[in-house]
Amino acid sequence: MEYARICVETIFGFAALFLLTKVLGKTQITQITAFDFISALVLGELVGNALYDDKVGIPKIGFAVILWGILIYSTEFITNKYKGTRGILEGRPSLVIHKGRLMRDELKNSNLDINQLQHLLRSKSVFSVQDVEYAVLETDGTISVMKKPAQQNATKEDLNIPLKSSPLPMTMISDGEVLWDNLEEAGFDEDWLKQQLQFQEITDVKKVLYAEYKEGEQLFVLPF
């Protein structure tokens, strides 16, 4: 009897959540904002906990799903109707790289460090911060990238250059700390790094947010 109850409630919960997803639209899946993520968690908890509670039946499950669905739909309606509420309920995109320059304040406000930014850029097949003209952190946590013109116009032959003659850029300094392993792997020492920084009028490593080296090029430095 108990298994039959769980089976019926599981099927009902599945059908209710499936119907709710259809009503709310595909944005709940493809463009998950912080609010959407919370909504998904709460809906899952409502149905999941109800399945293992003898005192909760189908009417209560249905009521909880419908009520939460109304709240989500009302929020979506408000954000579509009143533009001023979108920044509060959905968040705003953040311009984290502007004209090739890292926007430190935007990174801080978005709780995004340099390593996380590099990870997001690599997901867009961008392996060097130097190649980016603009980068926007979207409300769903993804990043949109506009490369610099020289990178946008790269030919297929350029992209197929063997790795040995065009190695990936190496991070030498991150958040004011020297990555000694990378420095050693590139064949340089502390004196070389100091000379590179002094050439760009930087006397303290702790004043450097990010430094990157590409073979045959000058050290690329972004100060705090």
C-alpha atoms as a PDB file:
ATOM      1  CA  MET A   1       0.000   0.000   0.000  1.00  0.00           C
ATOM      2  CA  GLU A   2       2.830   2.360   0.900  1.00  0.00           C
ATOM      3  CA  TYR A   3       4.634   1.684  -2.384  1.00  0.00           C
ATOM      4  CA  ALA A   4       1.431   2.297  -4.311  1.00  0.00           C
ATOM      5  CA  ARG A   5       0.995   5.681  -2.595  1.00  0.00           C
ATOM      6  CA  ILE A   6       4.579   6.705  -3.378  1.00  0.00           C
ATOM      7  CA  CYS A   7       4.173   5.545  -6.974  1.00  0.00           C
ATOM      8  CA  VAL A   8       0.993   7.568  -7.493  1.00  0.00           C
ATOM      9  CA  GLU A   9       2.419  10.679  -5.838  1.00  0.00           C
ATOM     10  CA  THR A  10       5.663  10.383  -7.828  1.00  0.00           C
ATOM     11  CA  ILE A  11       3.770  10.214 -11.113  1.00  0.00           C
ATOM     12  CA  PHE A  12       1.573  13.134 -10.064  1.00  0.00           C
ATOM     13  CA  GLY A  13       4.584  15.199  -8.961  1.00  0.00           C
ATOM     14  CA  PHE A  14       6.404  14.472 -12.210  1.00  0.00           C
ATOM     15  CA  ALA A  15       3.362  15.443 -14.274  1.00  0.00           C
ATOM     16  CA  ALA A  16       2.802  18.615 -12.230  1.00  0.00           C
ATOM     17  CA  LEU A  17       6.430  19.782 -12.567  1.00  0.00           C
ATOM     18  CA  PHE A  18       6.478  18.915 -16.275  1.00  0.00           C
ATOM     19  CA  LEU A  19       3.294  20.914 -16.861  1.00  0.00           C
ATOM     20  CA  LEU A  20       4.612  23.812 -14.808  1.00  0.00           C
ATOM     21  CA  THR A  21       7.832  23.887 -16.849  1.00  0.00           C
ATOM     22  CA  LYS A  22       5.813  24.007 -20.065  1.00  0.00           C
ATOM     23  CA  VAL A  23       3.667  26.855 -18.753  1.00  0.00           C
ATOM     24  CA  LEU A  24       6.598  28.930 -17.515  1.00  0.00           C
ATOM     25  CA  GLY A  25       8.520  28.534 -20.771  1.00  0.00           C
ATOM     26  CA  LYS A  26      11.966  27.354 -21.848  1.00  0.00           C
ATOM     27  CA  THR A  27      13.784  30.243 -20.200  1.00  0.00           C
ATOM     28  CA  GLN A  28      13.580  28.363 -16.917  1.00  0.00           C
ATOM     29  CA  ILE A  29      15.961  25.796 -18.436  1.00  0.00           C
ATOM     30  CA  THR A  30      18.154  27.629 -20.944  1.00  0.00           C
ATOM     31  CA  GLN A  31      18.642  30.938 -19.109  1.00  0.00           C
ATOM     32  CA  ILE A  32      18.849  30.061 -15.440  1.00  0.00           C
ATOM     33  CA  THR A  33      19.284  33.138 -13.259  1.00  0.00           C
ATOM     34  CA  ALA A  34      19.821  33.056  -9.494  1.00  0.00           C
ATOM     35  CA  PHE A  35      16.057  33.355  -8.957  1.00  0.00           C
ATOM     36  CA  ASP A  36      15.331  30.539 -11.413  1.00  0.00           C
ATOM     37  CA  PHE A  37      17.880  28.330  -9.673  1.00  0.00           C
ATOM     38  CA  ILE A  38      16.205  28.890  -6.300  1.00  0.00           C
ATOM     39  CA  SER A  39      12.812  28.195  -7.861  1.00  0.00           C
ATOM     40  CA  ALA A  40      14.001  24.880  -9.263  1.00  0.00           C
ATOM     41  CA  LEU A  41      15.459  23.839  -5.910  1.00  0.00           C
ATOM     42  CA  VAL A  42      12.309  24.723  -3.988  1.00  0.00           C
ATOM     43  CA  LEU A  43      10.034  22.922  -6.445  1.00  0.00           C
ATOM     44  CA  GLY A  44      12.193  19.814  -6.253  1.00  0.00           C
ATOM     45  CA  GLU A  45      12.185  19.917  -2.450  1.00  0.00           C
ATOM     46  CA  LEU A  46       8.416  20.410  -2.290  1.00  0.00           C
ATOM     47  CA  VAL A  47       7.733  17.312  -4.330  1.00  0.00           C
ATOM     48  CA  GLY A  48      10.649  15.221  -3.030  1.00  0.00           C
ATOM     49  CA  ASN A  49       9.854  15.728   0.652  1.00  0.00           C
ATOM     50  CA  ALA A  50       6.152  15.182   0.080  1.00  0.00           C
ATOM     51  CA  LEU A  51       6.746  11.720  -1.393  1.00  0.00           C
ATOM     52  CA  TYR A  52       8.153  10.395   1.882  1.00  0.00           C
ATOM     53  CA  ASP A  53       5.655  12.057   4.209  1.00  0.00           C
ATOM     54  CA  ASP A  54       2.598   9.936   4.968  1.00  0.00           C
ATOM     55  CA  LYS A  55       0.588  12.983   5.995  1.00  0.00           C
ATOM     56  CA  VAL A  56       1.084  14.735   2.656  1.00  0.00           C
ATOM     57  CA  GLY A  57      -1.194  13.604  -0.124  1.00  0.00           C
ATOM     58  CA  ILE A  58      -1.781  14.539  -3.734  1.00  0.00           C
ATOM     59  CA  PRO A  59      -3.997  17.570  -2.920  1.00  0.00           C
ATOM     60  CA  LYS A  60      -1.263  19.148  -0.791  1.00  0.00           C
ATOM     61  CA  ILE A  61       1.419  18.425  -3.391  1.00  0.00           C
ATOM     62  CA  GLY A  62      -0.756  19.935  -6.097  1.00  0.00           C
ATOM     63  CA  PHE A  63      -1.489  23.008  -3.959  1.00  0.00           C
ATOM     64  CA  ALA A  64       2.213  23.607  -3.214  1.00  0.00           C
ATOM     65  CA  VAL A  65       3.249  23.238  -6.867  1.00  0.00           C
ATOM     66  CA  ILE A  66       0.431  25.492  -8.101  1.00  0.00           C
ATOM     67  CA  LEU A  67       1.120  28.157  -5.474  1.00  0.00           C
ATOM     68  CA  TRP A  68       4.858  28.221  -6.224  1.00  0.00           C
ATOM     69  CA  GLY A  69       4.098  28.238  -9.955  1.00  0.00           C
ATOM     70  CA  ILE A  70       1.883  31.295  -9.478  1.00  0.00           C
ATOM     71  CA  LEU A  71       4.671  33.065  -7.589  1.00  0.00           C
ATOM     72  CA  ILE A  72       7.212  32.308 -10.337  1.00  0.00           C
ATOM     73  CA  TYR A  73       4.797  33.324 -13.096  1.00  0.00           C
ATOM     74  CA  SER A  74       3.939  36.551 -11.253  1.00  0.00           C
ATOM     75  CA  THR A  75       7.636  37.376 -10.945  1.00  0.00           C
ATOM     76  CA  GLU A  76       8.184  36.731 -14.669  1.00  0.00           C
ATOM     77  CA  PHE A  77       5.162  38.906 -15.490  1.00  0.00           C
ATOM     78  CA  ILE A  78       6.449  41.750 -13.328  1.00  0.00           C
ATOM     79  CA  THR A  79       9.933  41.672 -14.896  1.00  0.00           C
ATOM     80  CA  ASN A  80       8.432  41.669 -18.400  1.00  0.00           C
ATOM     81  CA  LYS A  81       5.974  44.456 -17.597  1.00  0.00           C
ATOM     82  CA  TYR A  82       8.191  46.725 -15.512  1.00  0.00           C
ATOM     83  CA  LYS A  83      11.767  47.077 -16.709  1.00  0.00           C
ATOM     84  CA  GLY A  84      12.926  48.693 -13.490  1.00  0.00           C
ATOM     85  CA  THR A  85      12.413  45.449 -11.552  1.00  0.00           C
ATOM     86  CA  ARG A  86      14.659  43.335 -13.789  1.00  0.00           C
ATOM     87  CA  GLY A  87      17.886  44.415 -12.156  1.00  0.00           C
ATOM     88  CA  ILE A  88      16.574  43.434  -8.700  1.00  0.00           C
ATOM     89  CA  LEU A  89      14.876  40.153  -9.602  1.00  0.00           C
ATOM     90  CA  GLU A  90      17.049  38.914 -12.463  1.00  0.00           C
ATOM     91  CA  GLY A  91      20.296  40.805 -11.982  1.00  0.00           C
ATOM     92  CA  ARG A  92      22.258  42.850 -14.499  1.00  0.00           C
ATOM     93  CA  PRO A  93      25.041  41.844 -16.906  1.00  0.00           C
ATOM     94  CA  SER A  94      28.481  43.055 -15.823  1.00  0.00           C
ATOM     95  CA  LEU A  95      31.119  44.420 -18.201  1.00  0.00           C
ATOM     96  CA  VAL A  96      34.227  42.717 -16.798  1.00  0.00           C
ATOM     97  CA  ILE A  97      36.594  43.606 -19.667  1.00  0.00           C
ATOM     98  CA  HIS A  98      36.305  46.981 -21.417  1.00  0.00           C
ATOM     99  CA  LYS A  99      38.540  47.853 -24.364  1.00  0.00           C
ATOM    100  CA  GLY A 100      40.984  45.153 -23.309  1.00  0.00           C
ATOM    101  CA  ARG A 101      41.143  46.381 -19.718  1.00  0.00           C
ATOM    102  CA  LEU A 102      40.016  44.310 -16.736  1.00  0.00           C
ATOM    103  CA  MET A 103      37.336  46.081 -14.733  1.00  0.00           C
ATOM    104  CA  ARG A 104      38.473  45.339 -11.184  1.00  0.00           C
ATOM    105  CA  ASP A 105      35.381  46.781  -9.485  1.00  0.00           C
ATOM    106  CA  GLU A 106      33.006  44.738 -11.660  1.00  0.00           C
ATOM    107  CA  LEU A 107      34.967  41.567 -10.930  1.00  0.00           C
ATOM    108  CA  LYS A 108      34.779  42.290  -7.216  1.00  0.00           C
ATOM    109  CA  ASN A 109      31.065  43.087  -7.287  1.00  0.00           C
ATOM    110  CA  SER A 110      30.416  39.838  -9.174  1.00  0.00           C
ATOM    111  CA  ASN A 111      32.559  37.812  -6.715  1.00  0.00           C
ATOM    112  CA  LEU A 112      34.678  36.701  -9.673  1.00  0.00           C
ATOM    113  CA  ASP A 113      38.423  36.195  -9.315  1.00  0.00           C
ATOM    114  CA  ILE A 114      40.990  36.088 -12.107  1.00  0.00           C
ATOM    115  CA  ASN A 115      41.131  32.284 -12.171  1.00  0.00           C
ATOM    116  CA  GLN A 116      37.367  31.992 -12.579  1.00  0.00           C
ATOM    117  CA  LEU A 117      37.470  34.609 -15.331  1.00  0.00           C
ATOM    118  CA  GLN A 118      40.147  32.648 -17.182  1.00  0.00           C
ATOM    119  CA  HIS A 119      38.031  29.498 -16.877  1.00  0.00           C
ATOM    120  CA  LEU A 120      35.023  31.283 -18.389  1.00  0.00           C
ATOM    121  CA  LEU A 121      37.156  32.677 -21.215  1.00  0.00           C
ATOM    122  CA  ARG A 122      38.586  29.245 -22.015  1.00  0.00           C
ATOM    123  CA  SER A 123      35.025  27.932 -22.293  1.00  0.00           C
ATOM    124  CA  LYS A 124      34.698  30.403 -25.189  1.00  0.00           C
ATOM    125  CA  SER A 125      37.969  29.184 -26.769  1.00  0.00           C
ATOM    126  CA  VAL A 126      39.842  32.281 -25.567  1.00  0.00           C
ATOM    127  CA  PHE A 127      43.130  31.380 -23.896  1.00  0.00           C
ATOM    128  CA  SER A 128      44.548  34.856 -23.395  1.00  0.00           C
ATOM    129  CA  VAL A 129      43.080  37.945 -21.738  1.00  0.00           C
ATOM    130  CA  GLN A 130      45.068  39.970 -24.280  1.00  0.00           C
ATOM    131  CA  ASP A 131      42.836  38.686 -27.060  1.00  0.00           C
ATOM    132  CA  VAL A 132      39.659  40.137 -25.517  1.00  0.00           C
ATOM    133  CA  GLU A 133      38.257  43.551 -26.385  1.00  0.00           C
ATOM    134  CA  TYR A 134      35.012  43.217 -24.409  1.00  0.00           C
ATOM    135  CA  ALA A 135      33.680  40.561 -22.042  1.00  0.00           C
ATOM    136  CA  VAL A 136      30.268  40.584 -20.389  1.00  0.00           C
ATOM    137  CA  LEU A 137      29.328  38.380 -17.444  1.00  0.00           C
ATOM    138  CA  GLU A 138      25.693  37.453 -18.070  1.00  0.00           C
ATOM    139  CA  THR A 139      23.037  37.034 -15.383  1.00  0.00           C
ATOM    140  CA  ASP A 140      23.073  33.246 -15.818  1.00  0.00           C
ATOM    141  CA  GLY A 141      26.797  33.054 -15.007  1.00  0.00           C
ATOM    142  CA  THR A 142      28.048  32.595 -18.577  1.00  0.00           C
ATOM    143  CA  ILE A 143      30.312  35.046 -20.360  1.00  0.00           C
ATOM    144  CA  SER A 144      29.962  36.736 -23.751  1.00  0.00           C
ATOM    145  CA  VAL A 145      33.217  37.689 -25.470  1.00  0.00           C
ATOM    146  CA  MET A 146      34.171  40.056 -28.288  1.00  0.00           C
ATOM    147  CA  LYS A 147      37.725  39.435 -29.420  1.00  0.00           C
ATOM    148  CA  LYS A 148      40.073  42.108 -30.629  1.00  0.00           C
ATOM    149  CA  PRO A 149      39.983  42.683 -34.422  1.00  0.00           C
ATOM    150  CA  ALA A 150      43.299  40.903 -34.988  1.00  0.00           C
ATOM    151  CA  GLN A 151      41.879  37.788 -33.343  1.00  0.00           C
ATOM    152  CA  GLN A 152      38.513  37.986 -35.096  1.00  0.00           C
ATOM    153  CA  ASN A 153      40.206  38.082 -38.499  1.00  0.00           C
ATOM    154  CA  ALA A 154      42.481  35.111 -37.810  1.00  0.00           C
ATOM    155  CA  THR A 155      42.582  32.690 -40.732  1.00  0.00           C
ATOM    156  CA  LYS A 156      42.195  28.930 -40.533  1.00  0.00           C
ATOM    157  CA  GLU A 157      45.910  28.605 -41.216  1.00  0.00           C
ATOM    158  CA  ASP A 158      46.611  30.800 -38.172  1.00  0.00           C
ATOM    159  CA  LEU A 159      44.441  28.608 -35.962  1.00  0.00           C
ATOM    160  CA  ASN A 160      46.173  25.399 -37.157  1.00  0.00           C
ATOM    161  CA  ILE A 161      49.725  26.458 -36.296  1.00  0.00           C
ATOM    162  CA  PRO A 162      51.509  23.633 -34.431  1.00  0.00           C
ATOM    163  CA  LEU A 163      51.513  24.051 -30.663  1.00  0.00           C
ATOM    164  CA  LYS A 164      55.324  24.141 -30.411  1.00  0.00           C
ATOM    165  CA  SER A 165      55.563  27.281 -32.530  1.00  0.00           C
ATOM    166  CA  SER A 166      52.554  28.940 -30.873  1.00  0.00           C
ATOM    167  CA  PRO A 167      52.354  27.832 -27.204  1.00  0.00           C
ATOM    168  CA  LEU A 168      49.496  28.819 -24.969  1.00  0.00           C
ATOM    169  CA  PRO A 169      49.982  31.966 -22.861  1.00  0.00           C
ATOM    170  CA  MET A 170      51.200  31.403 -19.320  1.00  0.00           C
ATOM    171  CA  THR A 171      50.013  33.268 -16.238  1.00  0.00           C
ATOM    172  CA  MET A 172      52.989  34.651 -14.338  1.00  0.00           C
ATOM    173  CA  ILE A 173      51.219  36.755 -11.703  1.00  0.00           C
ATOM    174  CA  SER A 174      47.694  36.355 -10.368  1.00  0.00           C
ATOM    175  CA  ASP A 175      46.156  38.636  -7.723  1.00  0.00           C
ATOM    176  CA  GLY A 176      49.549  39.970  -6.691  1.00  0.00           C
ATOM    177  CA  GLU A 177      51.213  36.560  -6.311  1.00  0.00           C
ATOM    178  CA  VAL A 178      53.940  35.129  -8.556  1.00  0.00           C
ATOM    179  CA  LEU A 179      53.238  31.684  -9.995  1.00  0.00           C
ATOM    180  CA  TRP A 180      56.766  30.342  -9.630  1.00  0.00           C
ATOM    181  CA  ASP A 181      56.057  27.014 -11.351  1.00  0.00           C
ATOM    182  CA  ASN A 182      54.909  28.789 -14.510  1.00  0.00           C
ATOM    183  CA  LEU A 183      57.851  31.170 -14.379  1.00  0.00           C
ATOM    184  CA  GLU A 184      60.287  28.262 -14.134  1.00  0.00           C
ATOM    185  CA  GLU A 185      58.528  26.261 -16.844  1.00  0.00           C
ATOM    186  CA  ALA A 186      58.818  29.218 -19.215  1.00  0.00           C
ATOM    187  CA  GLY A 187      62.571  29.284 -18.582  1.00  0.00           C
ATOM    188  CA  PHE A 188      62.733  32.562 -16.650  1.00  0.00           C
ATOM    189  CA  ASP A 189      63.719  33.610 -13.144  1.00  0.00           C
ATOM    190  CA  GLU A 190      62.847  36.285 -10.612  1.00  0.00           C
ATOM    191  CA  ASP A 191      65.354  38.773 -12.057  1.00  0.00           C
ATOM    192  CA  TRP A 192      63.708  38.550 -15.491  1.00  0.00           C
ATOM    193  CA  LEU A 193      60.305  39.139 -13.946  1.00  0.00           C
ATOM    194  CA  LYS A 194      61.537  42.173 -12.016  1.00  0.00           C
ATOM    195  CA  GLN A 195      63.083  43.619 -15.167  1.00  0.00           C
ATOM    196  CA  GLN A 196      59.835  43.155 -17.084  1.00  0.00           C
ATOM    197  CA  LEU A 197      57.867  44.886 -14.343  1.00  0.00           C
ATOM    198  CA  GLN A 198      60.375  47.736 -13.983  1.00  0.00           C
ATOM    199  CA  PHE A 199      60.222  48.299 -17.735  1.00  0.00           C
ATOM    200  CA  GLN A 200      56.517  49.008 -17.219  1.00  0.00           C
ATOM    201  CA  GLU A 201      57.229  51.187 -14.165  1.00  0.00           C
ATOM    202  CA  ILE A 202      55.967  48.656 -11.623  1.00  0.00           C
ATOM    203  CA  THR A 203      58.152  48.097  -8.565  1.00  0.00           C
ATOM    204  CA  ASP A 204      55.961  45.809  -6.459  1.00  0.00           C
ATOM    205  CA  VAL A 205      54.464  42.481  -7.551  1.00  0.00           C
ATOM    206  CA  LYS A 206      51.556  43.007  -5.166  1.00  0.00           C
ATOM    207  CA  LYS A 207      50.419  45.902  -7.348  1.00  0.00           C
ATOM    208  CA  VAL A 208      49.830  43.519 -10.272  1.00  0.00           C
ATOM    209  CA  LEU A 209      46.393  41.992 -10.723  1.00  0.00           C
ATOM    210  CA  TYR A 210      47.424  39.809 -13.636  1.00  0.00           C
ATOM    211  CA  ALA A 211      50.523  39.210 -15.752  1.00  0.00           C
ATOM    212  CA  GLU A 212      50.709  36.920 -18.760  1.00  0.00           C
ATOM    213  CA  TYR A 213      53.537  35.809 -21.021  1.00  0.00           C
ATOM    214  CA  LYS A 214      53.388  34.791 -24.675  1.00  0.00           C
ATOM    215  CA  GLU A 215      56.463  33.449 -26.416  1.00  0.00           C
ATOM    216  CA  GLY A 216      58.284  36.196 -28.308  1.00  0.00           C
ATOM    217  CA  GLU A 217      56.240  38.977 -26.734  1.00  0.00           C
ATOM    218  CA  GLN A 218      56.697  41.429 -23.876  1.00  0.00           C
ATOM    219  CA  LEU A 219      55.112  40.498 -20.539  1.00  0.00           C
ATOM    220  CA  PHE A 220      51.481  41.608 -20.537  1.00  0.00           C
ATOM    221  CA  VAL A 221      50.689  43.317 -17.217  1.00  0.00           C
ATOM    222  CA  LEU A 222      47.414  44.526 -15.720  1.00  0.00           C
ATOM    223  CA  PRO A 223      47.908  46.486 -12.467  1.00  0.00           C
ATOM    224  CA  PHE A 224      45.335  46.754  -9.694  1.00  0.00           C
END
